Amino acid sequence: MIKMNEGFILSNKIRLAIFTEIASGEKRIDRIAKKNHIIEKAAMQAAEELKQHGLIEEKEEGYELTEEGRKIYAKMKGSQEI
């Protein structure tokens, strides 16, 4: 697992949308894709990238932030980057 900073998330609009929606409590990629007008395949790819970098995890009920993801979200939120 590669640890990445918020630059990895901010550098891609789709990853940013997926990350912030999951941080806000949405657990389903299909709903995130529809709400943000993203092609579902692109949304799934972005989610997979976030998952590979240890920022989100897939649970039985859907996606959620990992501990690392929560730390980065708090840092981004505190600096108003999102």
C-alpha atoms as a PDB file:
ATOM      1  CA  MET A   1       0.000   0.000   0.000  1.00  0.00           C
ATOM      2  CA  ILE A   2       1.399   3.366  -1.057  1.00  0.00           C
ATOM      3  CA  LYS A   3       0.766   6.336   1.239  1.00  0.00           C
ATOM      4  CA  MET A   4      -0.187   9.473  -0.644  1.00  0.00           C
ATOM      5  CA  ASN A   5      -0.974  13.007   0.366  1.00  0.00           C
ATOM      6  CA  GLU A   6      -3.864  15.223  -0.561  1.00  0.00           C
ATOM      7  CA  GLY A   7      -2.141  16.208  -3.823  1.00  0.00           C
ATOM      8  CA  PHE A   8      -3.011  12.765  -5.217  1.00  0.00           C
ATOM      9  CA  ILE A   9      -6.693  13.431  -4.562  1.00  0.00           C
ATOM     10  CA  LEU A  10      -6.707  17.073  -5.647  1.00  0.00           C
ATOM     11  CA  SER A  11      -4.884  16.341  -8.912  1.00  0.00           C
ATOM     12  CA  ASN A  12      -7.909  14.541 -10.372  1.00  0.00           C
ATOM     13  CA  LYS A  13     -11.478  15.920 -10.343  1.00  0.00           C
ATOM     14  CA  ILE A  14     -13.063  12.465 -10.373  1.00  0.00           C
ATOM     15  CA  ARG A  15     -10.931  11.198  -7.477  1.00  0.00           C
ATOM     16  CA  LEU A  16     -11.757  14.388  -5.566  1.00  0.00           C
ATOM     17  CA  ALA A  17     -15.496  13.926  -6.147  1.00  0.00           C
ATOM     18  CA  ILE A  18     -15.394  10.264  -5.095  1.00  0.00           C
ATOM     19  CA  PHE A  19     -13.276  11.016  -2.026  1.00  0.00           C
ATOM     20  CA  THR A  20     -15.387  13.932  -0.793  1.00  0.00           C
ATOM     21  CA  GLU A  21     -18.682  12.110  -1.379  1.00  0.00           C
ATOM     22  CA  ILE A  22     -17.448   9.082   0.572  1.00  0.00           C
ATOM     23  CA  ALA A  23     -16.158  11.414   3.300  1.00  0.00           C
ATOM     24  CA  SER A  24     -19.666  12.925   3.427  1.00  0.00           C
ATOM     25  CA  GLY A  25     -21.199   9.511   4.047  1.00  0.00           C
ATOM     26  CA  GLU A  26     -22.183   8.246   0.592  1.00  0.00           C
ATOM     27  CA  LYS A  27     -21.196   4.592   0.266  1.00  0.00           C
ATOM     28  CA  ARG A  28     -22.222   3.700  -3.303  1.00  0.00           C
ATOM     29  CA  ILE A  29     -20.118   4.589  -6.336  1.00  0.00           C
ATOM     30  CA  ASP A  30     -23.085   4.384  -8.724  1.00  0.00           C
ATOM     31  CA  ARG A  31     -24.931   7.089  -6.764  1.00  0.00           C
ATOM     32  CA  ILE A  32     -21.804   9.256  -6.570  1.00  0.00           C
ATOM     33  CA  ALA A  33     -21.311   8.900 -10.330  1.00  0.00           C
ATOM     34  CA  LYS A  34     -24.908   9.850 -11.090  1.00  0.00           C
ATOM     35  CA  LYS A  35     -24.944  12.823  -8.687  1.00  0.00           C
ATOM     36  CA  ASN A  36     -21.663  14.206 -10.077  1.00  0.00           C
ATOM     37  CA  HIS A  37     -22.375  13.399 -13.751  1.00  0.00           C
ATOM     38  CA  ILE A  38     -19.406  11.024 -13.955  1.00  0.00           C
ATOM     39  CA  ILE A  39     -19.309   7.945 -16.176  1.00  0.00           C
ATOM     40  CA  GLU A  40     -19.657   5.017 -13.774  1.00  0.00           C
ATOM     41  CA  LYS A  41     -16.625   3.178 -15.191  1.00  0.00           C
ATOM     42  CA  ALA A  42     -14.444   6.268 -14.565  1.00  0.00           C
ATOM     43  CA  ALA A  43     -15.869   6.571 -11.047  1.00  0.00           C
ATOM     44  CA  MET A  44     -15.089   2.908 -10.341  1.00  0.00           C
ATOM     45  CA  GLN A  45     -11.521   3.394 -11.629  1.00  0.00           C
ATOM     46  CA  ALA A  46     -11.033   6.437  -9.392  1.00  0.00           C
ATOM     47  CA  ALA A  47     -12.409   4.500  -6.405  1.00  0.00           C
ATOM     48  CA  GLU A  48     -10.001   1.656  -7.158  1.00  0.00           C
ATOM     49  CA  GLU A  49      -7.076   4.119  -7.244  1.00  0.00           C
ATOM     50  CA  LEU A  50      -8.142   5.598  -3.899  1.00  0.00           C
ATOM     51  CA  LYS A  51      -8.492   2.093  -2.489  1.00  0.00           C
ATOM     52  CA  GLN A  52      -5.042   1.045  -3.755  1.00  0.00           C
ATOM     53  CA  HIS A  53      -3.535   4.083  -2.065  1.00  0.00           C
ATOM     54  CA  GLY A  54      -5.159   3.244   1.265  1.00  0.00           C
ATOM     55  CA  LEU A  55      -7.553   6.204   1.374  1.00  0.00           C
ATOM     56  CA  ILE A  56     -10.863   4.343   1.111  1.00  0.00           C
ATOM     57  CA  GLU A  57     -11.927   0.778   1.797  1.00  0.00           C
ATOM     58  CA  GLU A  58     -14.766  -1.353   0.579  1.00  0.00           C
ATOM     59  CA  LYS A  59     -16.941  -2.832   3.283  1.00  0.00           C
ATOM     60  CA  GLU A  60     -20.034  -5.006   3.025  1.00  0.00           C
ATOM     61  CA  GLU A  61     -22.305  -1.926   3.150  1.00  0.00           C
ATOM     62  CA  GLY A  62     -20.194   0.104   0.705  1.00  0.00           C
ATOM     63  CA  TYR A  63     -17.157   2.367   0.668  1.00  0.00           C
ATOM     64  CA  GLU A  64     -15.806   4.440   3.522  1.00  0.00           C
ATOM     65  CA  LEU A  65     -12.639   6.349   4.366  1.00  0.00           C
ATOM     66  CA  THR A  66      -9.764   4.538   6.023  1.00  0.00           C
ATOM     67  CA  GLU A  67      -8.040   6.075   9.047  1.00  0.00           C
ATOM     68  CA  GLU A  68      -5.485   7.598   6.650  1.00  0.00           C
ATOM     69  CA  GLY A  69      -8.316   8.905   4.462  1.00  0.00           C
ATOM     70  CA  ARG A  70     -10.007  10.522   7.465  1.00  0.00           C
ATOM     71  CA  LYS A  71      -6.735  12.246   8.440  1.00  0.00           C
ATOM     72  CA  ILE A  72      -6.237  13.609   4.927  1.00  0.00           C
ATOM     73  CA  TYR A  73      -9.873  14.719   4.691  1.00  0.00           C
ATOM     74  CA  ALA A  74      -9.557  16.598   7.991  1.00  0.00           C
ATOM     75  CA  LYS A  75      -6.355  18.244   6.774  1.00  0.00           C
ATOM     76  CA  MET A  76      -7.948  19.215   3.441  1.00  0.00           C
ATOM     77  CA  LYS A  77     -11.080  20.493   5.167  1.00  0.00           C
ATOM     78  CA  GLY A  78      -9.020  22.529   7.612  1.00  0.00           C
ATOM     79  CA  SER A  79      -7.060  24.198   4.818  1.00  0.00           C
ATOM     80  CA  GLN A  80     -10.194  24.757   2.675  1.00  0.00           C
ATOM     81  CA  GLU A  81      -8.724  22.779  -0.261  1.00  0.00           C
ATOM     82  CA  ILE A  82     -12.064  21.059  -0.770  1.00  0.00           C
END
